Amino acid sequence: MHWPFCLAKCPYCDFNSHVRETIPQERFASALRKELAHDAARTGRRPLRSIFFGGGTPSLMDPETVAALIEDASRYFDAEPDLEITLEANPTSVERAKLASFREAGVNRISLGIQSLDDASLRFLGREHSASQAIAALETARSLFARVSFDLIYARPGQSLSEWSGELDRALSLASDHLSLYQLTIEQGTKFEALYRQGRFHLPDDEQAARLYERTADIAGRHGLLPYEISNYARPGAESRHNLTYWRYQDYIGIGPGAHGRLTIGDDLLAIRRHRAPEPWAGRVEQGGCGSTEEIPLSAEERGREALLMGLRLTEGISCAAFRTRTSREIGECLDPRILDAALEEGYLTFDRERLIATREGRLRLEALLSALVL
């Protein structure tokens, strides 16, 4: 469920998010419910494992809208007894005050966009909250929800190993069961791209970034959080079930402006994309029930490529049997054999009859490895 509105646009963000002076809550609530009903009628009853309210800033939604969407989804599909329902929230005081209402609406997992526990870094990242507000929001969330995650951004300009180690240790002392730890990257079309191109700031070089990544995994491990995906750490059993659906390349429905989906209909696996702009998306939904701009059946080759690009991010790697069922291909058919042999020899990958796995050394080089390896 994608809510595309934010209080401000962060300079590093390339997500489909929009700042509006006023948010037309009723119109977008109605459109989200209508699009969900449209897709539910199309797919029929299926098991429902997770609901994720992402954005944008979904904690700007009215809690009544969240409750209605949860109720709709649980009525249209067969909700599993331990249905995971996550909502992303920011630590500003106005959003923190709504957390109890989201719990009453049915949310059982909260994800806080903290990004840093350093006030100067928060200002650089364009965040609307302070470190003290972030800690207060985290304490409130932990008092209300059994499952709490939060995001941090590291590899910031001038950040040393010792500075990041201290910040991460402090964060992990506050953590519940899950952390998302992202290296700062320069995304096309963002404010940071223009500033970086002008030389207004510099990022750590590749060697320093690798050291920061390795230190991150070591410190998280000391606190009992293990890396199950390249940027995500959890206590065993507390992994995000929703995000695992993406990385394991399973079916999901994307509702809302700019949302993507991968949905099996008959023999086809469809790649579905909704209109990015909020108002045109809502207009399409009001006229025809959904805001899709394209629905493309994926070939076996395209399925194989997507499954590899997603699955090798996981510490568990890719199940050969699941890959075969999903793509109608063998993993080896989708890989450059020369690069595969070299990656196995260097210890970047392991590969047997059951799984293809990127090792820790391989995940350090995953972007370059994938671009060379996947056909």
Protein backbone atom coordinates (compact mmCIF):
# COMPACT_ATOMS: atom_id res chain seq x y z
CA MET A 1 0.00 0.00 0.00
CA HIS A 2 1.82 3.10 -1.23
CA TRP A 3 1.08 6.50 0.35
CA PRO A 4 3.04 9.00 -1.77
CA PHE A 5 2.96 12.13 0.39
CA CYS A 6 5.71 13.58 2.60
CA LEU A 7 6.18 16.69 4.73
CA ALA A 8 9.41 17.42 2.80
CA LYS A 9 11.50 15.80 0.08
CA CYS A 10 14.77 14.44 1.45
CA PRO A 11 17.78 15.33 -0.73
CA TYR A 12 18.92 11.68 -1.09
CA CYS A 13 15.46 10.26 -1.88
CA ASP A 14 14.48 9.02 -5.33
CA PHE A 15 11.28 7.31 -4.15
CA ASN A 16 7.92 8.30 -5.59
CA SER A 17 7.12 10.89 -2.92
CA HIS A 18 5.36 14.23 -3.23
CA VAL A 19 4.96 17.28 -0.99
CA ARG A 20 1.48 18.82 -0.89
CA GLU A 21 0.30 21.81 1.12
CA THR A 22 -2.80 19.83 1.98
CA ILE A 23 -3.34 16.10 1.47
CA PRO A 24 -6.75 15.08 0.04
CA GLN A 25 -7.16 12.23 2.52
CA GLU A 26 -10.68 11.16 1.56
CA ARG A 27 -10.00 11.00 -2.16
CA PHE A 28 -6.85 8.92 -1.81
CA ALA A 29 -8.34 6.64 0.83
CA SER A 30 -11.25 5.91 -1.49
CA ALA A 31 -8.93 5.32 -4.47
CA LEU A 32 -6.68 2.93 -2.53
CA ARG A 33 -9.68 0.90 -1.40
CA LYS A 34 -11.11 0.83 -4.92
CA GLU A 35 -7.84 -0.33 -6.49
CA LEU A 36 -7.45 -3.03 -3.83
CA ALA A 37 -10.99 -4.26 -4.53
CA HIS A 38 -10.22 -4.31 -8.27
CA ASP A 39 -7.14 -6.48 -7.86
CA ALA A 40 -8.80 -8.76 -5.33
CA ALA A 41 -11.64 -9.48 -7.75
CA ARG A 42 -9.08 -10.29 -10.41
CA THR A 43 -6.91 -12.64 -8.37
CA GLY A 44 -9.54 -14.41 -6.31
CA ARG A 45 -8.92 -15.64 -2.79
CA ARG A 46 -5.27 -16.28 -2.00
CA PRO A 47 -3.27 -16.60 1.22
CA LEU A 48 -2.37 -13.21 2.70
CA ARG A 49 0.94 -13.24 4.58
CA SER A 50 1.74 -9.55 4.94
CA ILE A 51 0.59 -5.99 4.40
CA PHE A 52 3.11 -3.16 4.15
CA PHE A 53 2.20 0.52 4.26
CA GLY A 54 5.12 2.30 2.57
CA GLY A 55 5.75 5.66 1.03
CA GLY A 56 6.20 8.49 0.98
CA THR A 57 5.22 8.78 4.60
CA PRO A 58 2.29 6.49 5.43
CA SER A 59 2.15 7.74 9.02
CA LEU A 60 0.61 10.87 7.49
CA MET A 61 -2.43 8.74 6.61
CA ASP A 62 -5.55 8.93 8.72
CA PRO A 63 -5.58 5.87 11.00
CA GLU A 64 -9.16 5.23 9.85
CA THR A 65 -7.84 4.72 6.31
CA VAL A 66 -5.26 2.22 7.54
CA ALA A 67 -7.95 0.33 9.46
CA ALA A 68 -10.26 0.22 6.44
CA LEU A 69 -7.55 -1.08 4.12
CA ILE A 70 -6.53 -3.79 6.60
CA GLU A 71 -10.17 -4.81 6.99
CA ASP A 72 -10.67 -4.89 3.21
CA ALA A 73 -7.56 -6.98 2.57
CA SER A 74 -8.46 -9.43 5.34
CA ARG A 75 -11.94 -9.83 3.84
CA TYR A 76 -10.80 -10.28 0.23
CA PHE A 77 -7.99 -12.74 1.00
CA ASP A 78 -7.31 -15.57 3.45
CA ALA A 79 -5.29 -13.84 6.14
CA GLU A 80 -2.79 -16.09 7.91
CA PRO A 81 -3.09 -16.19 11.73
CA ASP A 82 0.24 -14.38 12.17
CA LEU A 83 -0.41 -11.81 9.43
CA GLU A 84 2.41 -9.23 9.48
CA ILE A 85 1.17 -5.63 9.09
CA THR A 86 3.95 -3.03 8.87
CA LEU A 87 3.64 0.73 8.67
CA GLU A 88 6.52 3.13 8.01
CA ALA A 89 6.62 6.21 10.24
CA ASN A 90 8.86 9.19 10.81
CA PRO A 91 9.92 10.32 14.31
CA THR A 92 8.37 13.80 14.20
CA SER A 93 6.16 14.62 17.16
CA VAL A 94 2.98 14.82 15.06
CA GLU A 95 3.51 11.32 13.69
CA ARG A 96 4.65 9.86 17.02
CA ALA A 97 1.34 10.95 18.57
CA LYS A 98 -0.55 8.76 16.08
CA LEU A 99 1.27 5.49 16.78
CA ALA A 100 -1.30 4.22 19.28
CA SER A 101 -4.06 4.86 16.73
CA PHE A 102 -2.21 2.80 14.14
CA ARG A 103 -1.92 -0.07 16.61
CA GLU A 104 -5.67 0.13 17.21
CA ALA A 105 -6.15 0.08 13.42
CA GLY A 106 -4.42 -3.30 13.25
CA VAL A 107 -0.77 -2.47 12.58
CA ASN A 108 1.49 -4.91 14.46
CA ARG A 109 4.93 -3.90 13.19
CA ILE A 110 6.34 -0.38 12.91
CA SER A 111 9.33 0.80 10.87
CA LEU A 112 10.82 4.17 11.86
CA GLY A 113 12.81 6.31 9.41
CA ILE A 114 15.39 7.50 11.93
CA GLN A 115 18.39 7.60 9.52
CA SER A 116 20.87 8.95 12.11
CA LEU A 117 21.33 9.62 15.82
CA ASP A 118 23.52 12.65 15.11
CA ASP A 119 21.82 16.05 14.79
CA ALA A 120 24.33 17.47 12.31
CA SER A 121 23.92 14.42 10.08
CA LEU A 122 20.14 14.67 10.30
CA ARG A 123 20.33 18.27 9.08
CA PHE A 124 22.62 17.21 6.21
CA LEU A 125 20.16 14.44 5.28
CA GLY A 126 17.28 16.90 5.26
CA ARG A 127 15.35 15.15 8.00
CA GLU A 128 12.56 16.92 9.88
CA HIS A 129 13.37 15.42 13.30
CA SER A 130 16.18 15.62 15.84
CA ALA A 131 18.10 12.77 17.48
CA SER A 132 16.16 13.28 20.72
CA GLN A 133 12.86 13.08 18.82
CA ALA A 134 14.07 9.87 17.16
CA ILE A 135 14.85 8.27 20.51
CA ALA A 136 11.51 9.38 21.93
CA ALA A 137 9.67 7.93 18.94
CA LEU A 138 11.56 4.67 19.28
CA GLU A 139 10.70 4.41 22.97
CA THR A 140 7.03 5.10 22.18
CA ALA A 141 7.03 2.50 19.42
CA ARG A 142 8.61 -0.14 21.64
CA SER A 143 5.93 0.46 24.29
CA LEU A 144 3.17 -0.12 21.73
CA PHE A 145 4.44 -2.72 19.27
CA ALA A 146 6.03 -6.12 19.77
CA ARG A 147 7.96 -5.72 16.51
CA VAL A 148 9.88 -2.53 15.78
CA SER A 149 12.42 -1.77 13.05
CA PHE A 150 14.25 1.39 12.13
CA ASP A 151 16.51 2.66 9.34
CA LEU A 152 19.95 4.22 9.55
CA ILE A 153 22.09 5.67 6.76
CA TYR A 154 25.87 5.36 7.02
CA ALA A 155 28.94 5.95 4.81
CA ARG A 156 28.10 9.64 5.10
CA PRO A 157 30.64 12.33 4.10
CA GLY A 158 33.65 12.28 6.42
CA GLN A 159 32.26 9.50 8.61
CA SER A 160 35.00 7.51 10.31
CA LEU A 161 34.90 3.92 11.45
CA SER A 162 34.98 4.96 15.10
CA GLU A 163 32.15 7.48 14.65
CA TRP A 164 29.93 4.93 12.91
CA SER A 165 30.81 2.25 15.45
CA GLY A 166 29.73 4.49 18.32
CA GLU A 167 26.51 5.54 16.61
CA LEU A 168 25.63 1.97 15.66
CA ASP A 169 26.38 0.66 19.16
CA ARG A 170 24.06 3.31 20.57
CA ALA A 171 21.36 2.45 18.03
CA LEU A 172 21.59 -1.26 18.71
CA SER A 173 21.24 -0.65 22.44
CA LEU A 174 17.85 0.88 21.57
CA ALA A 175 16.88 -1.65 18.90
CA SER A 176 14.08 -4.17 19.17
CA ASP A 177 14.42 -7.00 16.66
CA HIS A 178 15.24 -5.50 13.26
CA LEU A 179 17.42 -2.82 11.65
CA SER A 180 17.83 -1.63 8.06
CA LEU A 181 21.32 -0.16 7.57
CA TYR A 182 21.90 1.51 4.22
CA GLN A 183 25.03 3.04 2.76
CA LEU A 184 24.40 6.53 1.40
CA THR A 185 24.24 6.38 -2.39
CA ILE A 186 23.76 9.10 -4.98
CA GLU A 187 20.53 8.54 -6.88
CA GLN A 188 19.75 10.10 -10.23
CA GLY A 189 17.47 13.12 -10.15
CA THR A 190 17.93 13.88 -6.44
CA LYS A 191 19.20 17.10 -4.89
CA PHE A 192 22.24 15.21 -3.64
CA GLU A 193 23.12 14.21 -7.21
CA ALA A 194 23.45 17.87 -8.20
CA LEU A 195 25.44 18.77 -5.06
CA TYR A 196 27.73 15.76 -5.46
CA ARG A 197 28.37 16.57 -9.12
CA GLN A 198 29.30 20.13 -8.08
CA GLY A 199 31.82 18.75 -5.59
CA ARG A 200 29.89 20.13 -2.60
CA PHE A 201 30.53 16.93 -0.65
CA HIS A 202 32.37 13.63 -1.06
CA LEU A 203 31.51 10.07 -0.06
CA PRO A 204 33.87 7.45 1.38
CA ASP A 205 35.89 5.61 -1.27
CA ASP A 206 35.24 1.93 -2.01
CA GLU A 207 37.79 0.67 0.53
CA GLN A 208 36.37 2.79 3.33
CA ALA A 209 32.81 1.84 2.36
CA ALA A 210 33.79 -1.84 2.53
CA ARG A 211 35.33 -1.35 5.97
CA LEU A 212 32.17 0.39 7.16
CA TYR A 213 30.05 -2.47 5.81
CA GLU A 214 32.17 -5.12 7.53
CA ARG A 215 32.16 -3.18 10.81
CA THR A 216 28.35 -2.89 10.55
CA ALA A 217 27.90 -6.66 10.32
CA ASP A 218 30.36 -7.29 13.18
CA ILE A 219 28.70 -4.86 15.59
CA ALA A 220 25.17 -5.99 14.70
CA GLY A 221 26.24 -9.60 15.28
CA ARG A 222 27.55 -8.74 18.76
CA HIS A 223 24.07 -7.43 19.57
CA GLY A 224 22.38 -10.58 18.25
CA LEU A 225 21.14 -9.17 14.92
CA LEU A 226 22.28 -11.18 11.91
CA PRO A 227 22.43 -10.04 8.27
CA TYR A 228 19.72 -11.89 6.37
CA GLU A 229 19.86 -9.47 3.41
CA ILE A 230 22.63 -7.16 2.24
CA SER A 231 21.25 -4.15 4.19
CA ASN A 232 18.92 -5.79 6.73
CA TYR A 233 19.68 -7.32 10.13
CA ALA A 234 17.33 -9.19 12.45
CA ARG A 235 17.17 -11.46 15.43
CA PRO A 236 16.43 -15.00 14.19
CA GLY A 237 12.71 -15.22 13.43
CA ALA A 238 12.22 -11.44 13.27
CA GLU A 239 13.04 -10.98 9.57
CA SER A 240 10.60 -8.84 7.57
CA ARG A 241 8.28 -11.39 6.00
CA HIS A 242 7.00 -8.80 3.56
CA ASN A 243 10.42 -7.89 2.21
CA LEU A 244 11.38 -11.55 2.02
CA THR A 245 8.52 -11.93 -0.46
CA TYR A 246 10.30 -9.49 -2.80
CA TRP A 247 13.73 -11.04 -2.39
CA ARG A 248 12.43 -14.60 -2.77
CA TYR A 249 10.66 -13.46 -5.93
CA GLN A 250 7.14 -14.39 -4.91
CA ASP A 251 3.80 -12.79 -5.84
CA TYR A 252 2.78 -9.44 -4.40
CA ILE A 253 0.19 -6.78 -5.24
CA GLY A 254 1.24 -3.12 -5.27
CA ILE A 255 -1.54 -0.62 -4.54
CA GLY A 256 -1.22 3.15 -4.93
CA PRO A 257 0.68 5.75 -7.02
CA GLY A 258 3.92 4.39 -8.45
CA ALA A 259 3.44 0.94 -6.90
CA HIS A 260 4.88 -2.13 -8.62
CA GLY A 261 3.58 -5.68 -8.49
CA ARG A 262 4.51 -9.19 -9.59
CA LEU A 263 1.36 -11.23 -9.96
CA THR A 264 0.69 -14.67 -11.42
CA ILE A 265 -2.50 -14.78 -13.49
CA GLY A 266 -2.99 -18.11 -15.25
CA ASP A 267 0.31 -19.05 -16.85
CA ASP A 268 1.62 -15.48 -16.91
CA LEU A 269 3.75 -13.65 -14.36
CA LEU A 270 2.79 -10.02 -14.84
CA ALA A 271 5.00 -7.03 -14.09
CA ILE A 272 2.51 -4.34 -13.07
CA ARG A 273 3.25 -0.63 -12.71
CA ARG A 274 0.86 2.06 -11.45
CA HIS A 275 0.90 5.68 -12.60
CA ARG A 276 3.50 7.60 -10.56
CA ALA A 277 1.73 10.96 -10.22
CA PRO A 278 -0.81 10.90 -7.38
CA GLU A 279 -3.65 12.88 -8.96
CA PRO A 280 -3.57 11.17 -12.40
CA TRP A 281 -3.37 7.80 -10.61
CA ALA A 282 -6.46 8.65 -8.56
CA GLY A 283 -8.28 9.76 -11.71
CA ARG A 284 -7.54 6.45 -13.43
CA VAL A 285 -8.79 4.51 -10.42
CA GLU A 286 -11.97 6.57 -10.23
CA GLN A 287 -12.67 5.95 -13.92
CA GLY A 288 -11.60 2.32 -14.35
CA GLY A 289 -10.90 0.75 -10.97
CA CYS A 290 -7.09 0.72 -11.15
CA GLY A 291 -4.25 3.09 -11.94
CA SER A 292 -2.02 0.75 -13.96
CA THR A 293 0.07 2.15 -16.79
CA GLU A 294 1.52 -1.21 -17.87
CA GLU A 295 1.06 -4.92 -17.31
CA ILE A 296 3.74 -6.95 -19.04
CA PRO A 297 3.96 -10.76 -19.10
CA LEU A 298 7.57 -11.64 -18.25
CA SER A 299 9.47 -14.15 -20.36
CA ALA A 300 11.36 -17.04 -18.76
CA GLU A 301 14.60 -15.12 -19.35
CA GLU A 302 13.25 -11.99 -17.67
CA ARG A 303 11.95 -14.02 -14.74
CA GLY A 304 15.34 -15.66 -14.32
CA ARG A 305 17.18 -12.36 -14.37
CA GLU A 306 14.86 -10.74 -11.82
CA ALA A 307 14.99 -13.76 -9.52
CA LEU A 308 18.81 -13.65 -9.53
CA LEU A 309 19.05 -9.90 -8.98
CA MET A 310 16.71 -10.14 -6.00
CA GLY A 311 17.69 -13.48 -4.47
CA LEU A 312 21.46 -13.03 -4.34
CA ARG A 313 20.91 -10.14 -1.91
CA LEU A 314 19.84 -12.74 0.67
CA THR A 315 22.25 -14.49 3.00
CA GLU A 316 20.29 -17.71 2.33
CA GLY A 317 20.78 -17.26 -1.41
CA ILE A 318 18.47 -18.79 -4.01
CA SER A 319 16.82 -22.21 -3.88
CA CYS A 320 17.47 -24.02 -7.14
CA ALA A 321 14.12 -25.81 -6.90
CA ALA A 322 12.16 -22.60 -6.24
CA PHE A 323 14.02 -20.86 -9.07
CA ARG A 324 13.11 -23.67 -11.48
CA THR A 325 9.44 -23.55 -10.48
CA ARG A 326 9.21 -19.77 -10.78
CA THR A 327 11.16 -19.28 -14.01
CA SER A 328 10.99 -22.63 -15.87
CA ARG A 329 14.78 -22.39 -16.18
CA GLU A 330 17.84 -23.76 -14.44
CA ILE A 331 20.00 -21.25 -12.59
CA GLY A 332 23.05 -22.17 -14.63
CA GLU A 333 21.29 -21.20 -17.85
CA CYS A 334 21.03 -17.60 -16.63
CA LEU A 335 24.69 -17.14 -15.66
CA ASP A 336 27.86 -16.39 -17.60
CA PRO A 337 29.84 -19.62 -17.07
CA ARG A 338 33.24 -17.89 -17.14
CA ILE A 339 32.23 -15.33 -14.52
CA LEU A 340 30.56 -18.04 -12.44
CA ASP A 341 33.73 -20.16 -12.40
CA ALA A 342 35.85 -17.15 -11.45
CA ALA A 343 33.42 -16.09 -8.70
CA LEU A 344 33.39 -19.62 -7.25
CA GLU A 345 37.18 -19.77 -7.32
CA GLU A 346 37.50 -16.38 -5.58
CA GLY A 347 35.02 -17.41 -2.91
CA TYR A 348 32.41 -14.83 -3.88
CA LEU A 349 29.75 -17.50 -4.51
CA THR A 350 28.91 -21.04 -3.45
CA PHE A 351 26.81 -23.24 -5.74
CA ASP A 352 25.55 -26.78 -5.36
CA ARG A 353 22.46 -28.74 -6.39
CA GLU A 354 20.32 -26.94 -3.83
CA ARG A 355 21.41 -23.28 -3.60
CA LEU A 356 23.34 -20.42 -5.18
CA ILE A 357 24.66 -18.15 -2.44
CA ALA A 358 26.70 -14.94 -2.45
CA THR A 359 29.20 -15.12 0.41
CA ARG A 360 29.99 -12.15 2.63
CA GLU A 361 32.90 -11.31 0.32
CA GLY A 362 30.56 -11.63 -2.64
CA ARG A 363 27.93 -9.37 -1.12
CA LEU A 364 30.62 -6.72 -0.64
CA ARG A 365 30.99 -6.72 -4.44
CA LEU A 366 27.43 -7.62 -5.33
CA GLU A 367 26.61 -4.78 -7.71
CA ALA A 368 29.67 -5.39 -9.88
CA LEU A 369 29.31 -9.16 -9.56
CA LEU A 370 25.69 -9.18 -10.70
CA SER A 371 26.32 -6.91 -13.67
CA ALA A 372 28.96 -9.34 -14.97
CA LEU A 373 27.39 -12.63 -13.88
CA VAL A 374 23.72 -12.43 -14.86
CA LEU A 375 22.97 -12.91 -18.54
